[in-house]
Amino acid sequence: MARTRKRKAVEALQDEPRQTTETQSSEDKLSPENEQLRAEIKLLKDTLTDLRNSIETKDMLIKELRQSRDALEKLFTAVNKENERLRENQSKEKTPENTRSGNEQLQNDMFDVFHSRF
């Protein structure tokens, strides 16, 4: 039995270098695969960074569009108020004074002032 144990121990020691060379050869086979996986991981990280930048840019554009929309709504409200005011002025009873434009009124006032002096 001592011989059997020694043989097993010797065989085990002899098997270790085989396992080591097998492990090294499998590592050599995995090395190109590992490099490819590392390259793919780097590409994925770069893609993720690009996507984050795109999302940030789109968020900024959305914010600017909302601000523009709000400004346009305010402008539209102001235009509607002005239109209502003009309609009210037009719907008032037309008298000679109401139908005159501002320039006509100014000219008439100036004419009256000059003629009143003479």
N, C-alpha and C. Protein backbone atom coordinates (compact mmCIF):
# COMPACT_ATOMS: atom_id res chain seq x y z
N MET A 1 0.80 -1.17 0.00
CA MET A 1 0.00 0.00 0.00
C MET A 1 0.85 1.25 0.00
N ALA A 2 2.00 1.14 0.60
CA ALA A 2 2.88 2.28 0.61
C ALA A 2 3.27 2.65 -0.81
N ARG A 3 3.49 1.61 -1.62
CA ARG A 3 3.84 1.88 -3.01
C ARG A 3 2.67 2.52 -3.74
N THR A 4 1.49 2.07 -3.46
CA THR A 4 0.32 2.61 -4.13
C THR A 4 0.16 4.08 -3.77
N ARG A 5 0.37 4.37 -2.52
CA ARG A 5 0.26 5.76 -2.10
C ARG A 5 1.35 6.61 -2.75
N LYS A 6 2.56 6.06 -2.81
CA LYS A 6 3.65 6.80 -3.43
C LYS A 6 3.36 7.01 -4.91
N ARG A 7 2.86 5.95 -5.56
CA ARG A 7 2.55 6.08 -6.98
C ARG A 7 1.49 7.16 -7.21
N LYS A 8 0.49 7.13 -6.36
CA LYS A 8 -0.57 8.13 -6.51
C LYS A 8 -0.01 9.54 -6.28
N ALA A 9 0.87 9.66 -5.31
CA ALA A 9 1.47 10.96 -5.03
C ALA A 9 2.34 11.39 -6.19
N VAL A 10 3.14 10.45 -6.74
CA VAL A 10 4.01 10.77 -7.87
C VAL A 10 3.16 11.11 -9.09
N GLU A 11 2.12 10.31 -9.33
CA GLU A 11 1.24 10.58 -10.47
C GLU A 11 0.54 11.94 -10.30
N ALA A 12 0.17 12.24 -9.09
CA ALA A 12 -0.48 13.53 -8.84
C ALA A 12 0.48 14.67 -9.12
N LEU A 13 1.74 14.52 -8.72
CA LEU A 13 2.73 15.55 -9.00
C LEU A 13 2.98 15.67 -10.50
N GLN A 14 2.98 14.54 -11.17
CA GLN A 14 3.19 14.58 -12.62
C GLN A 14 1.97 15.18 -13.33
N ASP A 15 0.80 14.96 -12.77
CA ASP A 15 -0.41 15.51 -13.37
C ASP A 15 -0.50 17.03 -13.20
N GLU A 16 0.08 17.54 -12.13
CA GLU A 16 0.03 18.98 -11.88
C GLU A 16 0.63 19.79 -13.03
N PRO A 17 1.81 19.44 -13.54
CA PRO A 17 2.32 20.21 -14.67
C PRO A 17 1.39 20.12 -15.89
N ARG A 18 0.78 18.96 -16.09
CA ARG A 18 -0.16 18.83 -17.20
C ARG A 18 -1.34 19.77 -17.00
N GLN A 19 -1.83 19.79 -15.77
CA GLN A 19 -2.96 20.67 -15.49
C GLN A 19 -2.55 22.13 -15.66
N THR A 20 -1.33 22.44 -15.25
CA THR A 20 -0.83 23.80 -15.38
C THR A 20 -0.74 24.18 -16.85
N THR A 21 -0.18 23.29 -17.67
CA THR A 21 -0.09 23.60 -19.10
C THR A 21 -1.47 23.65 -19.73
N GLU A 22 -2.37 22.79 -19.27
CA GLU A 22 -3.74 22.84 -19.78
C GLU A 22 -4.40 24.16 -19.38
N THR A 23 -4.16 24.58 -18.15
CA THR A 23 -4.72 25.84 -17.67
C THR A 23 -4.14 27.00 -18.47
N GLN A 24 -2.84 26.97 -18.72
CA GLN A 24 -2.20 28.03 -19.49
C GLN A 24 -2.73 28.06 -20.92
N SER A 25 -2.91 26.89 -21.51
CA SER A 25 -3.41 26.87 -22.89
C SER A 25 -4.85 27.35 -22.93
N SER A 26 -5.64 27.02 -21.91
CA SER A 26 -7.02 27.51 -21.89
C SER A 26 -7.03 29.02 -21.65
N GLU A 27 -6.08 29.52 -20.84
CA GLU A 27 -5.96 30.96 -20.63
C GLU A 27 -5.54 31.65 -21.93
N ASP A 28 -4.64 30.99 -22.67
CA ASP A 28 -4.22 31.55 -23.95
C ASP A 28 -5.40 31.61 -24.91
N LYS A 29 -6.25 30.59 -24.86
CA LYS A 29 -7.45 30.60 -25.70
C LYS A 29 -8.42 31.68 -25.24
N LEU A 30 -8.51 31.89 -23.95
CA LEU A 30 -9.43 32.89 -23.41
C LEU A 30 -8.92 34.31 -23.59
N SER A 31 -7.63 34.47 -23.71
CA SER A 31 -7.06 35.81 -23.80
C SER A 31 -7.65 36.62 -24.97
N PRO A 32 -7.72 36.08 -26.19
CA PRO A 32 -8.36 36.86 -27.26
C PRO A 32 -9.84 37.12 -26.97
N GLU A 33 -10.49 36.14 -26.37
CA GLU A 33 -11.90 36.33 -26.02
C GLU A 33 -12.04 37.43 -24.96
N ASN A 34 -11.13 37.42 -23.99
CA ASN A 34 -11.15 38.46 -22.95
C ASN A 34 -10.92 39.84 -23.57
N GLU A 35 -9.97 39.92 -24.49
CA GLU A 35 -9.70 41.20 -25.14
C GLU A 35 -10.93 41.67 -25.92
N GLN A 36 -11.57 40.73 -26.59
CA GLN A 36 -12.77 41.09 -27.34
C GLN A 36 -13.88 41.56 -26.40
N LEU A 37 -14.04 40.86 -25.29
CA LEU A 37 -15.05 41.26 -24.31
C LEU A 37 -14.72 42.63 -23.70
N ARG A 38 -13.45 42.87 -23.43
CA ARG A 38 -13.05 44.18 -22.90
C ARG A 38 -13.35 45.29 -23.92
N ALA A 39 -13.08 45.00 -25.18
CA ALA A 39 -13.37 45.99 -26.22
C ALA A 39 -14.87 46.25 -26.32
N GLU A 40 -15.66 45.18 -26.21
CA GLU A 40 -17.11 45.34 -26.25
C GLU A 40 -17.61 46.13 -25.04
N ILE A 41 -17.03 45.86 -23.88
CA ILE A 41 -17.42 46.59 -22.67
C ILE A 41 -17.08 48.08 -22.83
N LYS A 42 -15.90 48.37 -23.38
CA LYS A 42 -15.52 49.77 -23.60
C LYS A 42 -16.49 50.43 -24.57
N LEU A 43 -16.84 49.72 -25.63
CA LEU A 43 -17.79 50.26 -26.60
C LEU A 43 -19.14 50.52 -25.95
N LEU A 44 -19.59 49.60 -25.11
CA LEU A 44 -20.86 49.78 -24.41
C LEU A 44 -20.80 50.98 -23.46
N LYS A 45 -19.68 51.15 -22.76
CA LYS A 45 -19.53 52.30 -21.87
C LYS A 45 -19.56 53.60 -22.66
N ASP A 46 -18.86 53.62 -23.79
CA ASP A 46 -18.86 54.82 -24.64
C ASP A 46 -20.26 55.12 -25.16
N THR A 47 -20.96 54.06 -25.57
CA THR A 47 -22.33 54.23 -26.06
C THR A 47 -23.23 54.77 -24.96
N LEU A 48 -23.06 54.25 -23.75
CA LEU A 48 -23.85 54.71 -22.62
C LEU A 48 -23.57 56.19 -22.33
N THR A 49 -22.32 56.58 -22.41
CA THR A 49 -21.96 57.99 -22.21
C THR A 49 -22.61 58.86 -23.28
N ASP A 50 -22.55 58.41 -24.53
CA ASP A 50 -23.19 59.16 -25.62
C ASP A 50 -24.69 59.29 -25.40
N LEU A 51 -25.32 58.21 -24.96
CA LEU A 51 -26.76 58.25 -24.70
C LEU A 51 -27.10 59.22 -23.57
N ARG A 52 -26.29 59.22 -22.53
CA ARG A 52 -26.52 60.16 -21.42
C ARG A 52 -26.38 61.60 -21.90
N ASN A 53 -25.38 61.86 -22.73
CA ASN A 53 -25.20 63.21 -23.27
C ASN A 53 -26.38 63.60 -24.15
N SER A 54 -26.85 62.65 -24.95
CA SER A 54 -28.00 62.94 -25.82
C SER A 54 -29.24 63.25 -24.99
N ILE A 55 -29.45 62.49 -23.94
CA ILE A 55 -30.60 62.72 -23.07
C ILE A 55 -30.50 64.10 -22.42
N GLU A 56 -29.31 64.45 -21.97
CA GLU A 56 -29.10 65.77 -21.34
C GLU A 56 -29.39 66.89 -22.35
N THR A 57 -28.90 66.72 -23.57
CA THR A 57 -29.13 67.72 -24.61
C THR A 57 -30.61 67.84 -24.92
N LYS A 58 -31.29 66.71 -25.03
CA LYS A 58 -32.72 66.73 -25.32
C LYS A 58 -33.50 67.36 -24.17
N ASP A 59 -33.08 67.10 -22.95
CA ASP A 59 -33.74 67.74 -21.81
C ASP A 59 -33.59 69.26 -21.87
N MET A 60 -32.41 69.73 -22.26
CA MET A 60 -32.20 71.18 -22.38
C MET A 60 -33.08 71.74 -23.49
N LEU A 61 -33.17 71.03 -24.61
CA LEU A 61 -34.02 71.49 -25.72
C LEU A 61 -35.49 71.54 -25.31
N ILE A 62 -35.92 70.53 -24.57
CA ILE A 62 -37.31 70.51 -24.10
C ILE A 62 -37.57 71.70 -23.19
N LYS A 63 -36.61 71.99 -22.31
CA LYS A 63 -36.76 73.14 -21.41
C LYS A 63 -36.87 74.44 -22.21
N GLU A 64 -36.01 74.60 -23.23
CA GLU A 64 -36.05 75.80 -24.06
C GLU A 64 -37.37 75.89 -24.83
N LEU A 65 -37.85 74.76 -25.33
CA LEU A 65 -39.12 74.75 -26.06
C LEU A 65 -40.28 75.13 -25.15
N ARG A 66 -40.25 74.66 -23.92
CA ARG A 66 -41.31 75.02 -22.97
C ARG A 66 -41.28 76.52 -22.68
N GLN A 67 -40.08 77.06 -22.52
CA GLN A 67 -39.96 78.50 -22.28
C GLN A 67 -40.47 79.29 -23.48
N SER A 68 -40.15 78.83 -24.68
CA SER A 68 -40.64 79.50 -25.89
C SER A 68 -42.15 79.41 -25.97
N ARG A 69 -42.69 78.24 -25.65
CA ARG A 69 -44.14 78.07 -25.67
C ARG A 69 -44.81 79.02 -24.69
N ASP A 70 -44.25 79.14 -23.49
CA ASP A 70 -44.82 80.05 -22.48
C ASP A 70 -44.77 81.49 -22.97
N ALA A 71 -43.65 81.87 -23.59
CA ALA A 71 -43.53 83.24 -24.10
C ALA A 71 -44.55 83.48 -25.22
N LEU A 72 -44.73 82.49 -26.09
CA LEU A 72 -45.72 82.63 -27.17
C LEU A 72 -47.14 82.71 -26.62
N GLU A 73 -47.42 81.94 -25.57
CA GLU A 73 -48.75 82.01 -24.96
C GLU A 73 -49.01 83.40 -24.38
N LYS A 74 -48.00 83.98 -23.74
CA LYS A 74 -48.15 85.33 -23.20
C LYS A 74 -48.38 86.34 -24.32
N LEU A 75 -47.61 86.19 -25.39
CA LEU A 75 -47.76 87.08 -26.54
C LEU A 75 -49.15 86.92 -27.16
N PHE A 76 -49.59 85.69 -27.30
CA PHE A 76 -50.91 85.42 -27.86
C PHE A 76 -52.01 86.03 -26.99
N THR A 77 -51.86 85.94 -25.68
CA THR A 77 -52.82 86.54 -24.76
C THR A 77 -52.85 88.06 -24.94
N ALA A 78 -51.67 88.66 -25.05
CA ALA A 78 -51.60 90.11 -25.24
C ALA A 78 -52.25 90.52 -26.56
N VAL A 79 -52.03 89.75 -27.61
CA VAL A 79 -52.63 90.05 -28.92
C VAL A 79 -54.15 89.92 -28.84
N ASN A 80 -54.63 88.90 -28.15
CA ASN A 80 -56.08 88.73 -28.00
C ASN A 80 -56.70 89.90 -27.24
N LYS A 81 -56.02 90.36 -26.19
CA LYS A 81 -56.53 91.51 -25.43
C LYS A 81 -56.58 92.75 -26.31
N GLU A 82 -55.54 92.95 -27.11
CA GLU A 82 -55.51 94.11 -28.00
C GLU A 82 -56.62 94.01 -29.05
N ASN A 83 -56.85 92.82 -29.58
CA ASN A 83 -57.94 92.64 -30.54
C ASN A 83 -59.29 92.94 -29.91
N GLU A 84 -59.49 92.48 -28.68
CA GLU A 84 -60.75 92.76 -27.98
C GLU A 84 -60.92 94.27 -27.78
N ARG A 85 -59.84 94.93 -27.40
CA ARG A 85 -59.90 96.37 -27.19
C ARG A 85 -60.26 97.09 -28.49
N LEU A 86 -59.64 96.67 -29.59
CA LEU A 86 -59.93 97.29 -30.88
C LEU A 86 -61.38 97.03 -31.31
N ARG A 87 -61.88 95.83 -31.06
CA ARG A 87 -63.28 95.53 -31.40
C ARG A 87 -64.24 96.38 -30.58
N GLU A 88 -63.90 96.55 -29.30
CA GLU A 88 -64.75 97.39 -28.45
C GLU A 88 -64.75 98.83 -28.97
N ASN A 89 -63.60 99.32 -29.37
CA ASN A 89 -63.53 100.68 -29.91
C ASN A 89 -64.32 100.80 -31.20
N GLN A 90 -64.28 99.77 -32.03
CA GLN A 90 -65.02 99.81 -33.28
C GLN A 90 -66.53 99.69 -33.06
N SER A 91 -66.90 98.95 -32.03
CA SER A 91 -68.33 98.74 -31.79
C SER A 91 -69.00 99.93 -31.10
N LYS A 92 -68.20 100.86 -30.58
CA LYS A 92 -68.77 102.04 -29.95
C LYS A 92 -69.53 102.84 -31.00
N GLU A 93 -70.44 103.63 -30.51
CA GLU A 93 -71.22 104.48 -31.43
C GLU A 93 -70.27 105.41 -32.16
N LYS A 94 -70.43 105.45 -33.48
CA LYS A 94 -69.52 106.26 -34.28
C LYS A 94 -69.98 107.70 -34.29
N THR A 95 -69.13 108.53 -33.76
CA THR A 95 -69.35 109.97 -33.81
C THR A 95 -68.21 110.56 -34.62
N PRO A 96 -68.35 111.76 -35.05
CA PRO A 96 -67.25 112.35 -35.82
C PRO A 96 -65.93 112.34 -35.06
N GLU A 97 -65.98 112.50 -33.76
CA GLU A 97 -64.75 112.50 -32.97
C GLU A 97 -64.16 111.09 -32.87
N ASN A 98 -65.03 110.08 -32.78
CA ASN A 98 -64.54 108.71 -32.67
C ASN A 98 -63.97 108.18 -33.98
N THR A 99 -64.47 108.70 -35.10
CA THR A 99 -64.01 108.19 -36.39
C THR A 99 -62.71 108.79 -36.84
N ARG A 100 -62.35 109.89 -36.27
CA ARG A 100 -61.09 110.52 -36.67
C ARG A 100 -59.90 109.72 -36.16
N SER A 101 -58.88 109.73 -36.93
CA SER A 101 -57.65 109.09 -36.47
C SER A 101 -56.92 110.06 -35.55
N GLY A 102 -55.91 109.57 -34.90
CA GLY A 102 -55.14 110.41 -33.99
C GLY A 102 -54.48 111.56 -34.71
N ASN A 103 -54.00 111.32 -35.91
CA ASN A 103 -53.36 112.40 -36.69
C ASN A 103 -54.36 113.46 -37.08
N GLU A 104 -55.53 113.02 -37.49
CA GLU A 104 -56.56 114.00 -37.87
C GLU A 104 -56.94 114.87 -36.68
N GLN A 105 -57.08 114.26 -35.54
CA GLN A 105 -57.42 115.03 -34.34
C GLN A 105 -56.33 116.03 -34.01
N LEU A 106 -55.08 115.59 -34.11
CA LEU A 106 -53.96 116.49 -33.84
C LEU A 106 -53.93 117.65 -34.83
N GLN A 107 -54.14 117.35 -36.10
CA GLN A 107 -54.16 118.42 -37.11
C GLN A 107 -55.30 119.41 -36.86
N ASN A 108 -56.45 118.89 -36.54
CA ASN A 108 -57.59 119.77 -36.27
C ASN A 108 -57.36 120.63 -35.04
N ASP A 109 -56.79 120.02 -34.01
CA ASP A 109 -56.49 120.78 -32.80
C ASP A 109 -55.48 121.89 -33.09
N MET A 110 -54.46 121.56 -33.86
CA MET A 110 -53.45 122.57 -34.20
C MET A 110 -54.08 123.68 -35.06
N PHE A 111 -54.93 123.30 -35.97
CA PHE A 111 -55.61 124.28 -36.82
C PHE A 111 -56.45 125.23 -35.98
N ASP A 112 -57.19 124.65 -35.04
CA ASP A 112 -58.03 125.47 -34.17
C ASP A 112 -57.18 126.42 -33.33
N VAL A 113 -56.06 125.95 -32.83
CA VAL A 113 -55.18 126.79 -32.01
C VAL A 113 -54.64 127.94 -32.84
N PHE A 114 -54.17 127.68 -34.04
CA PHE A 114 -53.63 128.74 -34.88
C PHE A 114 -54.70 129.75 -35.29
N HIS A 115 -55.89 129.27 -35.58
CA HIS A 115 -56.95 130.19 -36.00
C HIS A 115 -57.52 130.99 -34.83
N SER A 116 -57.40 130.43 -33.66
CA SER A 116 -57.91 131.18 -32.51
C SER A 116 -57.02 132.36 -32.19
N ARG A 117 -55.77 132.32 -32.58
CA ARG A 117 -54.84 133.42 -32.34
C ARG A 117 -55.16 134.60 -33.24
N PHE A 118 -55.67 134.33 -34.38
CA PHE A 118 -55.93 135.43 -35.32
C PHE A 118 -57.28 135.95 -35.10
